């Protein structure tokens, strides 16, 4: 394991003097460790350490109980707060998707009220109103709606695999912003370019936004980008392959929004970080609104 920045290293044993023993973890004294919390400088073992943007923090500092009253809370690389459960928002998002999926299985008619529709659809859907008729909420509900088990299974596995690391790196608020902005961008592009009678549903737009943001984050951290690029290329091949009935508009809209928003999240300078991050998110949302208004004007 790499030495945490700022952690003192013990003297080397070259045979001329006895090696000094390492201190014990502050919670597990019987476990020797060379890693110290970058906040309180207490020794911490692997079980007690929490990844931070610089080094590691102990459990007490993460919860705030080990911090001095005027000390700054530990922050992620994007400026978010470090939390004990870095997957909480991801778990909630998966729970909402699963709950909506179960509700749709119980009441098939509910599906018609949740999917993204531009205007009145053809059979087999019953006549209903679309976004152009005033059902703007469909831009959001479609992001959490799935009909087939394979569809929700694939999307939720992707959400768990991509969402957890992103939530830990960005912080909860920034991660949720990224997810919603990407999903709305996917809905807006599908509404703008797809047939108004085509029913679109699924979390894929938001998932592709996570793909884009993950690529940006890995490049920022100088990680090997080949795995994420290969996975993204495979998904894009499926997206544009005939016969799969996939909304490429939602995928591309979410991907572009994820790259733009993700770049702002991890590259914003610290001095004006929140302003740039949420300002960029607001600009992307403004484009979403513009596309929606333009398409509505065409259909009405």
Protein backbone atom coordinates (compact mmCIF):
# COMPACT_ATOMS: atom_id res chain seq x y z
CA UNK A 1 0.00 0.00 0.00
CA UNK A 2 1.30 3.47 -0.87
CA UNK A 3 2.28 5.75 1.91
CA UNK A 4 -0.32 8.44 2.57
CA UNK A 5 0.92 11.98 1.85
CA UNK A 6 2.37 13.53 4.94
CA UNK A 7 2.73 10.20 6.77
CA UNK A 8 6.10 9.74 8.46
CA UNK A 9 8.05 6.67 7.49
CA UNK A 10 9.91 4.63 10.05
CA UNK A 11 13.72 4.29 9.83
CA UNK A 12 15.05 1.56 7.55
CA UNK A 13 16.73 -1.42 9.08
CA UNK A 14 20.16 -1.84 7.49
CA UNK A 15 21.42 -4.16 10.18
CA UNK A 16 23.15 -1.42 12.14
CA UNK A 17 20.22 -0.73 14.47
CA UNK A 18 16.92 -2.41 15.34
CA UNK A 19 13.87 -1.39 13.31
CA UNK A 20 11.31 0.61 15.17
CA UNK A 21 7.85 -0.96 15.46
CA UNK A 22 4.89 0.76 13.85
CA UNK A 23 2.14 2.30 16.02
CA UNK A 24 -1.16 0.50 16.50
CA UNK A 25 -4.44 1.65 15.00
CA UNK A 26 -6.30 4.04 17.28
CA UNK A 27 -9.35 1.74 17.19
CA UNK A 28 -7.47 -1.57 16.94
CA UNK A 29 -4.25 -1.19 18.97
CA UNK A 30 -3.13 -4.73 18.08
CA UNK A 31 -2.90 -3.84 14.38
CA UNK A 32 0.31 -2.08 13.39
CA UNK A 33 -0.01 0.51 10.64
CA UNK A 34 2.09 3.13 8.88
CA UNK A 35 -0.93 5.12 7.69
CA UNK A 36 -2.21 8.14 9.59
CA UNK A 37 -5.37 10.20 9.26
CA UNK A 38 -4.52 13.36 7.36
CA UNK A 39 -6.93 15.28 9.63
CA UNK A 40 -6.09 14.22 13.18
CA UNK A 41 -2.81 12.33 12.52
CA UNK A 42 -4.00 9.23 14.40
CA UNK A 43 -2.74 5.86 13.08
CA UNK A 44 -5.44 3.95 11.17
CA UNK A 45 -5.58 0.39 9.85
CA UNK A 46 -7.10 -0.51 6.46
CA UNK A 47 -10.47 -1.32 8.05
CA UNK A 48 -10.74 2.14 9.61
CA UNK A 49 -9.44 4.28 6.75
CA UNK A 50 -11.74 6.17 4.38
CA UNK A 51 -10.45 7.38 1.01
CA UNK A 52 -10.26 11.15 0.65
CA UNK A 53 -9.06 13.46 -2.10
CA UNK A 54 -5.71 13.60 -0.27
CA UNK A 55 -4.66 10.60 1.77
CA UNK A 56 -7.07 8.86 4.15
CA UNK A 57 -9.35 9.89 7.00
CA UNK A 58 -10.31 7.97 10.12
CA UNK A 59 -13.91 7.03 10.88
CA UNK A 60 -14.26 9.70 13.57
CA UNK A 61 -13.14 12.51 11.28
CA UNK A 62 -15.55 11.36 8.59
CA UNK A 63 -18.43 11.47 11.06
CA UNK A 64 -17.22 14.81 12.35
CA UNK A 65 -16.74 13.73 15.95
CA UNK A 66 -12.96 13.86 15.68
CA UNK A 67 -12.79 17.34 14.17
CA UNK A 68 -12.03 20.52 16.03
CA UNK A 69 -14.96 23.00 16.08
CA UNK A 70 -13.24 25.25 13.52
CA UNK A 71 -11.73 22.49 11.39
CA UNK A 72 -12.84 21.99 7.80
CA UNK A 73 -14.71 18.80 6.94
CA UNK A 74 -12.86 16.36 4.69
CA UNK A 75 -13.70 16.92 1.01
CA UNK A 76 -13.75 14.82 -2.14
CA UNK A 77 -11.85 15.71 -5.30
CA UNK A 78 -14.90 17.69 -6.46
CA UNK A 79 -15.38 19.48 -3.15
CA UNK A 80 -18.17 17.31 -1.77
CA UNK A 81 -18.30 16.06 1.80
CA UNK A 82 -16.73 12.68 2.55
CA UNK A 83 -19.39 10.36 3.98
CA UNK A 84 -19.32 7.04 5.78
CA UNK A 85 -21.66 5.50 3.17
CA UNK A 86 -20.48 6.67 -0.27
CA UNK A 87 -23.24 4.73 -2.07
CA UNK A 88 -26.31 6.04 -0.26
CA UNK A 89 -27.71 8.08 -3.19
CA UNK A 90 -26.96 5.22 -5.60
CA UNK A 91 -28.92 2.84 -3.37
CA UNK A 92 -31.85 5.27 -3.22
CA UNK A 93 -31.87 5.69 -7.01
CA UNK A 94 -31.85 1.92 -7.50
CA UNK A 95 -34.65 1.60 -4.95
CA UNK A 96 -36.81 4.14 -6.81
CA UNK A 97 -36.25 2.38 -10.13
CA UNK A 98 -37.11 -1.01 -8.65
CA UNK A 99 -40.21 0.38 -6.92
CA UNK A 100 -41.49 1.91 -10.18
CA UNK A 101 -40.74 -1.33 -12.03
CA UNK A 102 -42.82 -3.32 -9.54
CA UNK A 103 -45.64 -0.77 -9.76
CA UNK A 104 -45.65 -1.02 -13.56
CA UNK A 105 -45.87 -4.82 -13.37
CA UNK A 106 -48.83 -4.57 -11.02
CA UNK A 107 -50.63 -1.88 -13.04
CA UNK A 108 -49.87 -1.99 -16.75
CA UNK A 109 -51.90 1.16 -17.37
CA UNK A 110 -49.45 3.08 -15.20
CA UNK A 111 -46.81 2.58 -17.87
CA UNK A 112 -48.71 4.82 -20.29
CA UNK A 113 -48.65 7.65 -17.76
CA UNK A 114 -44.89 7.48 -17.08
CA UNK A 115 -43.12 6.93 -20.41
CA UNK A 116 -41.79 9.75 -22.55
CA UNK A 117 -44.24 10.58 -25.35
CA UNK A 118 -44.22 13.59 -27.60
CA UNK A 119 -47.84 13.36 -28.66
CA UNK A 120 -50.70 10.87 -28.91
CA UNK A 121 -49.20 7.38 -29.44
CA UNK A 122 -50.35 4.58 -31.72
CA UNK A 123 -51.43 1.11 -30.55
CA UNK A 124 -50.72 -0.83 -28.41
CA UNK A 125 -50.69 2.20 -26.07
CA UNK A 126 -54.00 3.68 -25.09
CA UNK A 127 -54.66 7.27 -26.19
CA UNK A 128 -53.07 9.65 -23.72
CA UNK A 129 -51.40 13.04 -23.69
CA UNK A 130 -47.70 13.56 -24.26
CA UNK A 131 -45.16 16.23 -23.37
CA UNK A 132 -46.44 18.50 -26.14
CA UNK A 133 -49.91 18.30 -24.60
CA UNK A 134 -48.69 19.48 -21.21
CA UNK A 135 -47.35 16.30 -19.58
CA UNK A 136 -43.91 17.78 -18.88
CA UNK A 137 -43.45 15.46 -15.91
CA UNK A 138 -42.79 12.62 -18.39
CA UNK A 139 -39.31 14.06 -18.94
CA UNK A 140 -38.51 12.93 -15.38
CA UNK A 141 -40.68 9.84 -14.86
CA UNK A 142 -39.31 8.16 -17.97
CA UNK A 143 -35.87 8.13 -16.28
CA UNK A 144 -37.17 5.73 -13.61
CA UNK A 145 -39.48 3.55 -15.71
CA UNK A 146 -38.69 0.07 -17.03
CA UNK A 147 -40.98 -2.62 -18.42
CA UNK A 148 -38.72 -5.59 -19.14
CA UNK A 149 -36.70 -7.40 -16.46
CA UNK A 150 -33.55 -7.52 -18.60
CA UNK A 151 -33.79 -3.74 -19.15
CA UNK A 152 -33.90 -2.78 -15.49
CA UNK A 153 -31.36 -5.47 -14.55
CA UNK A 154 -28.78 -4.17 -17.02
CA UNK A 155 -29.37 -0.52 -16.08
CA UNK A 156 -29.25 -1.11 -12.33
CA UNK A 157 -26.05 -3.16 -12.58
CA UNK A 158 -24.51 -0.32 -14.58
CA UNK A 159 -25.79 2.22 -12.05
CA UNK A 160 -24.24 0.27 -9.17
CA UNK A 161 -20.92 -0.24 -10.96
CA UNK A 162 -20.56 3.36 -12.17
CA UNK A 163 -22.54 5.22 -9.54
CA UNK A 164 -20.71 4.09 -6.41
CA UNK A 165 -17.24 5.36 -7.36
CA UNK A 166 -18.68 8.55 -8.83
CA UNK A 167 -20.72 9.29 -5.73
CA UNK A 168 -17.62 8.78 -3.57
CA UNK A 169 -15.56 11.07 -5.82
CA UNK A 170 -18.10 13.86 -6.32
CA UNK A 171 -20.11 13.84 -3.10
CA UNK A 172 -23.83 13.21 -2.84
CA UNK A 173 -25.22 16.55 -4.01
CA UNK A 174 -22.93 16.84 -7.04
CA UNK A 175 -23.46 13.20 -7.97
CA UNK A 176 -27.25 13.52 -7.82
CA UNK A 177 -27.05 16.71 -9.89
CA UNK A 178 -24.99 14.92 -12.52
CA UNK A 179 -27.44 12.02 -12.64
CA UNK A 180 -30.56 14.15 -13.00
CA UNK A 181 -29.04 16.58 -15.51
CA UNK A 182 -27.82 13.71 -17.68
CA UNK A 183 -31.17 11.96 -17.54
CA UNK A 184 -33.06 15.12 -18.45
CA UNK A 185 -30.67 15.83 -21.33
CA UNK A 186 -31.34 12.34 -22.67
CA UNK A 187 -35.09 12.88 -22.39
CA UNK A 188 -34.86 16.26 -24.12
CA UNK A 189 -32.86 14.98 -27.09
CA UNK A 190 -35.20 12.01 -27.49
CA UNK A 191 -38.19 14.38 -27.37
CA UNK A 192 -36.54 16.68 -29.91
CA UNK A 193 -35.38 14.13 -32.49
CA UNK A 194 -37.49 10.99 -32.09
CA UNK A 195 -40.94 10.48 -33.55
CA UNK A 196 -43.55 12.12 -31.31
CA UNK A 197 -45.50 8.85 -31.20
CA UNK A 198 -42.51 6.82 -30.04
CA UNK A 199 -42.61 5.72 -26.41
CA UNK A 200 -39.22 6.07 -24.69
CA UNK A 201 -38.41 4.76 -21.22
CA UNK A 202 -35.49 3.74 -19.05
CA UNK A 203 -32.58 5.13 -17.04
CA UNK A 204 -30.15 4.72 -19.94
CA UNK A 205 -29.76 8.46 -20.56
CA UNK A 206 -28.63 9.01 -16.97
CA UNK A 207 -26.45 5.88 -17.09
CA UNK A 208 -24.65 7.15 -20.20
CA UNK A 209 -24.13 10.42 -18.34
CA UNK A 210 -22.34 8.43 -15.65
CA UNK A 211 -20.24 6.78 -18.36
CA UNK A 212 -19.14 10.18 -19.64
CA UNK A 213 -18.40 11.55 -16.18
CA UNK A 214 -16.45 8.40 -15.24
CA UNK A 215 -14.23 8.82 -18.31
CA UNK A 216 -13.58 12.45 -17.35
CA UNK A 217 -12.79 11.49 -13.74
CA UNK A 218 -10.42 8.69 -14.75
CA UNK A 219 -8.56 11.04 -17.06
CA UNK A 220 -8.35 13.62 -14.26
CA UNK A 221 -6.82 11.00 -11.93
CA UNK A 222 -4.52 9.65 -14.65
CA UNK A 223 -6.07 6.16 -14.44
CA UNK A 224 -5.97 3.64 -17.27
CA UNK A 225 -8.92 4.67 -19.42
CA UNK A 226 -8.94 1.64 -21.70
CA UNK A 227 -11.52 -0.36 -19.67
CA UNK A 228 -14.10 2.45 -19.54
CA UNK A 229 -13.54 3.38 -23.19
CA UNK A 230 -13.92 -0.24 -24.28
CA UNK A 231 -17.14 -0.60 -22.28
CA UNK A 232 -18.48 2.67 -23.67
CA UNK A 233 -17.69 1.65 -27.26
CA UNK A 234 -19.47 -1.68 -26.76
CA UNK A 235 -22.54 0.12 -25.44
CA UNK A 236 -22.50 2.58 -28.34
CA UNK A 237 -22.31 -0.32 -30.82
CA UNK A 238 -25.45 -1.80 -29.25
CA UNK A 239 -27.05 1.65 -29.24
CA UNK A 240 -26.73 2.09 -33.00
CA UNK A 241 -27.22 -1.56 -33.98
CA UNK A 242 -30.48 -2.21 -35.89
CA UNK A 243 -33.02 -4.50 -34.31
CA UNK A 244 -32.41 -3.55 -30.66
CA UNK A 245 -35.05 -0.78 -30.61
CA UNK A 246 -32.80 1.48 -28.51
CA UNK A 247 -33.27 5.24 -28.21
CA UNK A 248 -29.88 6.47 -29.40
CA UNK A 249 -31.07 10.04 -28.81
CA UNK A 250 -31.43 9.45 -25.06
CA UNK A 251 -28.04 7.74 -24.89
CA UNK A 252 -26.18 10.48 -26.76
CA UNK A 253 -27.98 13.28 -24.92
CA UNK A 254 -27.09 11.77 -21.57
CA UNK A 255 -23.49 11.06 -22.61
CA UNK A 256 -22.82 14.62 -23.79
CA UNK A 257 -24.40 16.13 -20.68
CA UNK A 258 -22.41 13.75 -18.47
CA UNK A 259 -19.12 14.71 -20.09
CA UNK A 260 -19.82 18.46 -19.85
CA UNK A 261 -21.16 18.36 -16.30
CA UNK A 262 -18.54 15.87 -15.13
CA UNK A 263 -15.74 18.01 -16.53
CA UNK A 264 -17.02 21.00 -14.59
CA UNK A 265 -17.31 18.90 -11.43
CA UNK A 266 -13.72 17.61 -11.36
CA UNK A 267 -11.84 20.45 -13.08
CA UNK A 268 -13.40 23.52 -11.48
CA UNK A 269 -10.80 25.61 -9.58
CA UNK A 270 -11.24 25.55 -5.84
CA UNK A 271 -11.78 29.30 -5.50
CA UNK A 272 -15.04 29.32 -7.49
CA UNK A 273 -15.71 25.60 -7.50
CA UNK A 274 -19.37 25.49 -6.49
CA UNK A 275 -20.27 28.41 -8.77
CA UNK A 276 -18.69 26.75 -11.81
CA UNK A 277 -20.05 23.29 -11.02
CA UNK A 278 -23.65 24.25 -10.44
CA UNK A 279 -23.48 27.06 -13.00
CA UNK A 280 -22.51 24.54 -15.68
CA UNK A 281 -25.32 22.25 -14.55
CA UNK A 282 -27.74 25.16 -14.83
CA UNK A 283 -26.53 25.93 -18.37
CA UNK A 284 -27.08 22.33 -19.41
CA UNK A 285 -30.56 22.47 -17.93
CA UNK A 286 -31.18 25.70 -19.85
CA UNK A 287 -30.32 23.85 -23.09
CA UNK A 288 -32.71 21.08 -22.03
CA UNK A 289 -35.50 23.59 -21.53
CA UNK A 290 -34.73 25.26 -24.87
CA UNK A 291 -34.87 21.96 -26.77
CA UNK A 292 -38.13 21.06 -25.03
CA UNK A 293 -39.75 24.40 -25.80
CA UNK A 294 -38.67 24.27 -29.46
CA UNK A 295 -40.03 20.75 -29.94
CA UNK A 296 -43.27 21.62 -28.22
CA UNK A 297 -43.70 24.58 -30.55
CA UNK A 298 -43.27 22.23 -33.53
CA UNK A 299 -45.88 19.78 -32.30
CA UNK A 300 -48.56 22.26 -31.24
